[in-house]
Amino acid sequence: MAARNKPFHTLRSGGMKAAIWLNDGTKGPFFSTTFSRSFKDRSGAWRNASSFSFSDLEALMNLTLDAREWIASRSGTPR
């Protein structure tokens, strides 16, 4: 069984998640971020989606700002 990559850091806000990944690039290491929303399907199983409804957008915006702040504080990126 292949090993799954895990995020370097994860931020959460309700059912929303920002996964922060550490990558190696030609100019050195850098962070990237993926966003997802957890929900239960009709059978009651937890699933993740990468699409967001209107009511999710404010939480997504706040989570994006939190991720930006977390990355900036660790990578010397100007704010």
Protein backbone atom coordinates (compact mmCIF):
# COMPACT_ATOMS: atom_id res chain seq x y z
CA MET A 1 0.00 0.00 0.00
CA ALA A 2 1.39 3.41 -1.00
CA ALA A 3 1.97 6.03 1.70
CA ARG A 4 -0.34 9.02 1.49
CA ASN A 5 1.11 12.48 1.67
CA LYS A 6 -0.15 14.48 4.61
CA PRO A 7 -0.47 18.26 4.84
CA PHE A 8 2.31 20.11 6.63
CA HIS A 9 -0.37 22.00 8.59
CA THR A 10 -4.18 22.10 8.65
CA LEU A 11 -6.49 24.96 9.59
CA ARG A 12 -10.21 24.41 10.23
CA SER A 13 -13.29 26.57 10.49
CA GLY A 14 -16.49 24.61 11.03
CA GLY A 15 -16.77 22.15 8.15
CA MET A 16 -14.14 23.99 6.10
CA LYS A 17 -10.49 22.99 5.95
CA ALA A 18 -7.31 24.57 4.58
CA ALA A 19 -4.54 22.03 4.05
CA ILE A 20 -1.11 23.65 3.78
CA TRP A 21 1.47 21.66 1.86
CA LEU A 22 5.26 22.03 1.88
CA ASN A 23 6.69 21.63 -1.62
CA ASP A 24 10.20 21.63 -3.07
CA GLY A 25 10.70 23.90 -6.06
CA THR A 26 13.65 24.92 -8.19
CA LYS A 27 14.00 28.07 -6.06
CA GLY A 28 13.65 26.18 -2.78
CA PRO A 29 10.77 25.07 -0.55
CA PHE A 30 7.39 26.80 -0.73
CA PHE A 31 3.89 26.35 0.67
CA SER A 32 0.70 25.75 -1.27
CA THR A 33 -2.86 25.44 0.03
CA THR A 34 -5.92 23.38 -0.86
CA PHE A 35 -9.40 24.03 0.50
CA SER A 36 -12.22 21.58 1.13
CA ARG A 37 -15.65 21.37 2.75
CA SER A 38 -16.78 18.32 4.75
CA PHE A 39 -20.34 17.04 4.51
CA LYS A 40 -22.35 13.89 5.14
CA ASP A 41 -23.81 12.14 2.12
CA ARG A 42 -27.25 10.51 2.04
CA SER A 43 -25.90 7.31 3.60
CA GLY A 44 -24.34 9.28 6.48
CA ALA A 45 -20.74 8.85 5.31
CA TRP A 46 -18.41 11.84 5.55
CA ARG A 47 -17.20 13.24 2.22
CA ASN A 48 -15.06 16.19 1.12
CA ALA A 49 -15.94 18.64 -1.61
CA SER A 50 -13.94 21.37 -3.32
CA SER A 51 -16.99 23.38 -4.35
CA PHE A 52 -18.55 25.97 -2.09
CA SER A 53 -22.02 27.49 -1.80
CA PHE A 54 -22.79 31.14 -1.28
CA SER A 55 -23.18 30.54 2.46
CA ASP A 56 -19.67 29.00 2.60
CA LEU A 57 -17.87 31.95 1.03
CA GLU A 58 -17.41 34.14 4.10
CA ALA A 59 -15.94 31.23 6.10
CA LEU A 60 -13.76 30.34 3.10
CA MET A 61 -12.54 33.95 2.87
CA ASN A 62 -11.63 33.98 6.58
CA LEU A 63 -9.90 30.60 6.30
CA THR A 64 -7.97 31.89 3.28
CA LEU A 65 -6.76 34.90 5.27
CA ASP A 66 -5.76 32.63 8.18
CA ALA A 67 -3.80 30.38 5.80
CA ARG A 68 -2.10 33.39 4.23
CA GLU A 69 -1.12 34.69 7.68
CA TRP A 70 0.20 31.26 8.76
CA ILE A 71 2.29 30.89 5.60
CA ALA A 72 3.59 34.48 5.70
CA SER A 73 4.73 34.09 9.29
CA ARG A 74 6.83 31.05 8.37
CA SER A 75 8.24 31.83 4.97
CA GLY A 76 9.38 35.44 5.16
CA THR A 77 6.75 36.40 2.60
CA PRO A 78 5.71 40.07 2.92
CA ARG A 79 2.13 40.55 4.08
